[in-house]
């Protein structure tokens, strides 16, 4: 009997040791992954407080003297005050329209059976494979003929078009996992199709919506190619174009550029943190209450 007890104790200790070893390994990998991803950002912020000479001689050390004037130079050179509003307006407008259209399209693709549904879904999926740079010239000609050149619409429409495929792909895959009984119960209670979408399907899709919103916002906020080709008016330029002002013909003000990148990065981090909370809340919510 005592031998059996000892064996059980040994097995229990081995199981706990194996569990802790596995957990420790996972934490170690996550810590290394965090360091690898966070170090470039910390390196950029650290060098934004250096002088140009100090950065050239010691790009990996801490600043000997913290130079805050780089942020003033970055604000003026990149015209962040004006370009920030342009980026925010274009990005948020395209984001709202894309999420609205994408969620409606995903609802009908995921929850309704109709002829050509798979072909239509495949059409949107193929849109993920279209490279942005291959469409710059056709997009320039199209916007010129429509009279949208040097307007916010010249950026809003391409942003919607190129973010719509990934939005529909994410939301359709998520909505297909919902049981049909939820909609059947709602129909028996007298709910219309759009009421089911707005009050039931959309709230249950918060995790996928939050992911789509984050991807849309980051893509719109960082986009450079369309802004460079379709916008020639300095008053309508976006932040990525402003950050290009640091690069001259012969020299580049790296420290001021890093200060500008740090300022531009702050809204992205704040937006991600806000939407991350929405992801967690959406995942922890239960079924729809009657």
Protein backbone atom coordinates (compact mmCIF):
# COMPACT_ATOMS: atom_id res chain seq x y z
CA UNK A 1 0.00 0.00 0.00
CA UNK A 2 2.81 2.39 0.94
CA UNK A 3 4.53 1.68 -2.36
CA UNK A 4 1.35 2.62 -4.21
CA UNK A 5 1.11 5.88 -2.27
CA UNK A 6 4.74 6.66 -3.05
CA UNK A 7 4.14 5.92 -6.73
CA UNK A 8 1.14 8.25 -6.80
CA UNK A 9 3.16 10.98 -5.07
CA UNK A 10 5.99 10.53 -7.54
CA UNK A 11 3.63 10.69 -10.50
CA UNK A 12 1.99 13.78 -9.03
CA UNK A 13 5.33 15.53 -8.59
CA UNK A 14 6.37 14.56 -12.10
CA UNK A 15 3.10 15.87 -13.53
CA UNK A 16 3.49 19.17 -11.67
CA UNK A 17 7.10 19.46 -12.77
CA UNK A 18 6.10 18.79 -16.37
CA UNK A 19 3.30 21.35 -16.12
CA UNK A 20 5.58 24.04 -14.68
CA UNK A 21 8.29 23.27 -17.25
CA UNK A 22 5.79 23.59 -20.09
CA UNK A 23 4.38 26.83 -18.67
CA UNK A 24 7.88 28.22 -18.11
CA UNK A 25 8.87 27.40 -21.68
CA UNK A 26 5.79 29.16 -23.03
CA UNK A 27 6.46 32.24 -20.90
CA UNK A 28 10.10 32.27 -22.02
CA UNK A 29 9.12 32.14 -25.69
CA UNK A 30 6.55 34.91 -25.19
CA UNK A 31 9.10 37.08 -23.36
CA UNK A 32 11.65 36.60 -26.16
CA UNK A 33 8.98 37.36 -28.75
CA UNK A 34 8.03 40.54 -26.85
CA UNK A 35 11.66 41.66 -26.65
CA UNK A 36 12.23 41.08 -30.36
CA UNK A 37 9.14 43.13 -31.27
CA UNK A 38 9.48 45.84 -28.63
CA UNK A 39 13.19 46.53 -29.02
CA UNK A 40 12.94 48.41 -32.39
CA UNK A 41 10.28 50.69 -30.90
CA UNK A 42 12.33 51.34 -27.76
CA UNK A 43 15.43 51.91 -29.91
CA UNK A 44 13.52 54.46 -32.00
CA UNK A 45 12.22 56.32 -28.92
CA UNK A 46 15.66 56.29 -27.29
CA UNK A 47 17.36 57.75 -30.37
CA UNK A 48 14.69 60.41 -30.77
CA UNK A 49 16.26 62.16 -27.75
CA UNK A 50 19.81 62.23 -29.16
CA UNK A 51 21.66 64.77 -31.22
CA UNK A 52 22.57 63.85 -34.77
CA UNK A 53 26.25 63.56 -33.88
CA UNK A 54 25.59 61.33 -30.88
CA UNK A 55 23.33 59.09 -32.96
CA UNK A 56 26.05 58.70 -35.60
CA UNK A 57 28.70 57.69 -33.06
CA UNK A 58 26.56 55.59 -30.67
CA UNK A 59 23.19 54.50 -32.13
CA UNK A 60 22.64 51.76 -29.54
CA UNK A 61 23.52 53.54 -26.30
CA UNK A 62 21.43 55.70 -24.00
CA UNK A 63 21.43 59.47 -24.64
CA UNK A 64 24.10 61.39 -22.77
CA UNK A 65 21.85 64.45 -22.89
CA UNK A 66 18.13 64.24 -23.53
CA UNK A 67 17.33 66.51 -26.48
CA UNK A 68 13.63 67.39 -26.53
CA UNK A 69 13.99 69.92 -29.33
CA UNK A 70 13.86 67.00 -31.81
CA UNK A 71 10.13 66.74 -31.18
CA UNK A 72 9.67 70.45 -31.89
CA UNK A 73 11.61 70.07 -35.14
CA UNK A 74 9.58 66.98 -36.02
CA UNK A 75 6.29 68.76 -35.38
CA UNK A 76 7.28 71.65 -37.65
CA UNK A 77 9.10 69.71 -40.39
CA UNK A 78 6.44 67.01 -40.76
CA UNK A 79 3.61 69.54 -40.30
CA UNK A 80 2.07 67.04 -37.92
CA UNK A 81 -0.66 69.39 -36.73
CA UNK A 82 -2.28 69.63 -40.19
CA UNK A 83 -1.35 66.21 -41.53
CA UNK A 84 -2.61 64.50 -38.37
CA UNK A 85 -6.15 65.77 -39.01
CA UNK A 86 -5.99 64.66 -42.66
CA UNK A 87 -4.85 61.15 -41.73
CA UNK A 88 -7.42 60.89 -38.97
CA UNK A 89 -10.31 62.09 -41.13
CA UNK A 90 -9.46 59.89 -44.11
CA UNK A 91 -8.65 56.85 -41.97
CA UNK A 92 -11.71 56.99 -39.73
CA UNK A 93 -14.11 57.73 -42.61
CA UNK A 94 -12.78 54.84 -44.72
CA UNK A 95 -12.79 52.61 -41.63
CA UNK A 96 -16.44 53.33 -40.79
CA UNK A 97 -17.69 52.79 -44.35
CA UNK A 98 -15.59 49.65 -44.84
CA UNK A 99 -16.79 48.05 -41.59
CA UNK A 100 -20.43 48.93 -42.35
CA UNK A 101 -20.36 47.53 -45.90
CA UNK A 102 -18.16 44.59 -44.94
CA UNK A 103 -20.33 43.51 -42.00
CA UNK A 104 -23.51 43.64 -44.10
CA UNK A 105 -21.90 41.71 -46.96
CA UNK A 106 -20.46 39.16 -44.54
CA UNK A 107 -23.85 38.66 -42.90
CA UNK A 108 -25.52 37.74 -46.19
CA UNK A 109 -22.59 35.63 -47.36
CA UNK A 110 -22.45 33.70 -44.09
CA UNK A 111 -26.10 33.31 -43.14
CA UNK A 112 -28.01 33.08 -46.45
CA UNK A 113 -27.97 30.45 -49.18
CA UNK A 114 -28.27 31.88 -52.68
CA UNK A 115 -26.96 31.09 -56.13
CA UNK A 116 -23.41 32.30 -56.70
CA UNK A 117 -22.64 32.79 -53.01
CA UNK A 118 -19.37 30.85 -53.12
CA UNK A 119 -18.34 32.60 -56.33
CA UNK A 120 -19.00 36.01 -54.77
CA UNK A 121 -17.08 35.07 -51.63
CA UNK A 122 -14.21 33.79 -53.76
CA UNK A 123 -14.21 37.11 -55.62
CA UNK A 124 -13.57 38.97 -52.37
CA UNK A 125 -10.92 36.46 -51.27
CA UNK A 126 -9.07 36.94 -54.56
CA UNK A 127 -9.00 40.63 -53.72
CA UNK A 128 -6.53 39.78 -50.95
CA UNK A 129 -4.01 38.78 -53.61
CA UNK A 130 -4.11 42.06 -55.58
CA UNK A 131 -0.93 44.09 -54.91
CA UNK A 132 -1.50 47.76 -54.19
CA UNK A 133 1.43 48.96 -56.30
CA UNK A 134 0.06 47.25 -59.42
CA UNK A 135 -3.05 49.45 -59.26
CA UNK A 136 -1.40 52.84 -58.77
CA UNK A 137 -1.46 53.87 -62.44
CA UNK A 138 -5.04 52.66 -63.13
CA UNK A 139 -6.18 54.27 -59.87
CA UNK A 140 -4.52 57.56 -60.86
CA UNK A 141 -6.27 57.55 -64.24
CA UNK A 142 -9.61 56.62 -62.67
CA UNK A 143 -9.47 59.32 -60.00
CA UNK A 144 -8.40 61.87 -62.59
CA UNK A 145 -11.38 61.06 -64.83
CA UNK A 146 -13.77 61.15 -61.86
CA UNK A 147 -12.40 64.50 -60.74
CA UNK A 148 -11.35 63.24 -57.32
CA UNK A 149 -7.66 64.10 -57.58
CA UNK A 150 -6.38 66.17 -54.64
CA UNK A 151 -9.46 65.44 -52.55
CA UNK A 152 -10.02 63.26 -49.51
CA UNK A 153 -12.22 60.99 -51.66
CA UNK A 154 -9.14 60.05 -53.72
CA UNK A 155 -7.84 58.23 -50.64
CA UNK A 156 -11.09 57.15 -48.99
CA UNK A 157 -12.30 55.05 -51.94
CA UNK A 158 -9.04 53.08 -52.45
CA UNK A 159 -8.73 52.51 -48.70
CA UNK A 160 -12.24 51.04 -48.62
CA UNK A 161 -11.62 48.91 -51.69
CA UNK A 162 -8.38 47.37 -50.46
CA UNK A 163 -9.53 46.80 -46.89
CA UNK A 164 -12.91 45.32 -47.83
CA UNK A 165 -11.58 41.83 -48.78
CA UNK A 166 -9.82 41.20 -45.45
CA UNK A 167 -12.82 42.60 -43.57
CA UNK A 168 -15.27 40.30 -45.36
CA UNK A 169 -12.90 37.34 -45.02
CA UNK A 170 -12.63 37.76 -41.24
CA UNK A 171 -16.29 38.50 -40.54
CA UNK A 172 -17.71 35.84 -42.86
CA UNK A 173 -15.56 33.12 -41.31
CA UNK A 174 -16.60 34.24 -37.82
CA UNK A 175 -20.33 34.58 -38.56
CA UNK A 176 -20.52 31.13 -40.13
CA UNK A 177 -19.74 29.59 -36.73
CA UNK A 178 -23.00 30.86 -35.17
CA UNK A 179 -25.76 28.25 -34.73
CA UNK A 180 -28.84 28.67 -36.91
CA UNK A 181 -31.11 28.22 -33.89
CA UNK A 182 -30.35 31.78 -32.75
CA UNK A 183 -31.83 33.28 -35.90
CA UNK A 184 -34.75 30.85 -35.93
CA UNK A 185 -35.70 31.87 -32.40
CA UNK A 186 -35.43 35.55 -33.34
CA UNK A 187 -37.66 35.07 -36.39
CA UNK A 188 -40.28 33.34 -34.24
CA UNK A 189 -40.21 36.39 -31.96
CA UNK A 190 -40.96 38.63 -34.93
CA UNK A 191 -37.48 40.06 -35.67
CA UNK A 192 -36.74 41.26 -39.18
CA UNK A 193 -33.58 40.36 -41.08
CA UNK A 194 -31.86 43.65 -40.33
CA UNK A 195 -32.98 43.57 -36.70
CA UNK A 196 -31.36 40.14 -36.34
CA UNK A 197 -28.19 41.52 -37.93
CA UNK A 198 -28.06 44.67 -35.80
CA UNK A 199 -29.19 43.27 -32.44
CA UNK A 200 -27.86 39.69 -32.52
CA UNK A 201 -25.24 38.92 -35.16
CA UNK A 202 -23.30 42.18 -34.91
CA UNK A 203 -22.90 42.14 -31.09
CA UNK A 204 -21.80 38.50 -31.21
CA UNK A 205 -19.20 39.40 -33.85
CA UNK A 206 -17.34 41.89 -31.64
CA UNK A 207 -14.06 39.93 -31.53
CA UNK A 208 -13.88 39.72 -35.33
CA UNK A 209 -15.09 43.32 -35.68
CA UNK A 210 -12.38 44.54 -33.32
CA UNK A 211 -9.74 42.66 -35.32
CA UNK A 212 -11.04 44.09 -38.59
CA UNK A 213 -11.15 47.61 -37.13
CA UNK A 214 -7.54 47.36 -35.92
CA UNK A 215 -6.30 46.09 -39.30
CA UNK A 216 -8.26 48.76 -41.19
CA UNK A 217 -7.05 51.59 -39.01
CA UNK A 218 -3.39 50.55 -39.11
CA UNK A 219 -3.48 50.08 -42.90
CA UNK A 220 -5.14 53.48 -43.42
CA UNK A 221 -2.88 55.26 -40.95
CA UNK A 222 0.37 53.93 -42.42
CA UNK A 223 -0.55 53.98 -46.11
CA UNK A 224 1.94 55.91 -48.25
CA UNK A 225 1.69 54.90 -51.93
CA UNK A 226 -1.82 56.15 -52.71
CA UNK A 227 -1.26 59.33 -50.71
CA UNK A 228 1.93 60.02 -52.66
CA UNK A 229 0.37 59.45 -56.10
CA UNK A 230 -3.16 60.82 -55.64
CA UNK A 231 -2.48 63.85 -53.42
CA UNK A 232 -0.41 66.80 -54.66
CA UNK A 233 -1.92 69.49 -52.47
CA UNK A 234 0.19 69.99 -49.34
CA UNK A 235 -2.91 70.99 -47.35
CA UNK A 236 -4.42 67.51 -47.94
CA UNK A 237 -1.29 65.43 -47.34
CA UNK A 238 -1.26 62.69 -44.70
CA UNK A 239 1.29 61.89 -42.00
CA UNK A 240 3.35 59.34 -44.00
CA UNK A 241 4.00 62.07 -46.58
CA UNK A 242 4.99 64.48 -43.82
CA UNK A 243 7.51 61.99 -42.43
CA UNK A 244 9.16 61.84 -45.85
CA UNK A 245 10.12 65.51 -45.46
CA UNK A 246 12.99 64.53 -43.17
CA UNK A 247 14.87 62.94 -46.05
CA UNK A 248 16.72 65.58 -48.07
CA UNK A 249 18.69 65.22 -51.28
CA UNK A 250 21.98 64.58 -49.51
CA UNK A 251 21.24 64.15 -45.80
CA UNK A 252 18.51 62.84 -43.52
CA UNK A 253 17.69 64.17 -40.06
CA UNK A 254 17.37 60.75 -38.43
CA UNK A 255 16.82 61.92 -34.85
CA UNK A 256 14.01 64.29 -35.79
CA UNK A 257 12.55 61.61 -38.05
CA UNK A 258 12.50 59.17 -35.13
CA UNK A 259 10.82 61.81 -33.00
CA UNK A 260 8.18 62.22 -35.70
CA UNK A 261 7.71 58.46 -35.95
CA UNK A 262 7.26 58.31 -32.18
CA UNK A 263 4.56 60.98 -32.31
CA UNK A 264 2.80 59.18 -35.16
CA UNK A 265 3.03 55.85 -33.34
CA UNK A 266 1.20 57.07 -30.22
CA UNK A 267 -2.34 57.15 -31.77
CA UNK A 268 -1.82 53.67 -33.22
CA UNK A 269 -0.84 52.22 -29.85
CA UNK A 270 -3.72 53.97 -28.07
CA UNK A 271 -6.20 52.77 -30.70
CA UNK A 272 -4.92 49.22 -30.44
CA UNK A 273 -5.17 49.24 -26.63
CA UNK A 274 -8.76 50.49 -26.82
CA UNK A 275 -9.78 47.84 -29.35
CA UNK A 276 -7.90 45.10 -27.48
CA UNK A 277 -10.29 45.62 -24.58
CA UNK A 278 -13.20 45.23 -26.98
CA UNK A 279 -11.75 41.93 -28.19
CA UNK A 280 -11.57 40.57 -24.66
CA UNK A 281 -15.08 41.77 -23.83
CA UNK A 282 -16.47 40.23 -27.00
CA UNK A 283 -14.83 36.89 -26.31
CA UNK A 284 -16.16 36.71 -22.77
CA UNK A 285 -19.75 37.57 -23.61
CA UNK A 286 -22.25 34.77 -23.55
CA UNK A 287 -25.12 33.99 -25.87
CA UNK A 288 -27.78 36.52 -26.71
CA UNK A 289 -30.20 37.10 -23.89
CA UNK A 290 -33.87 36.99 -24.65
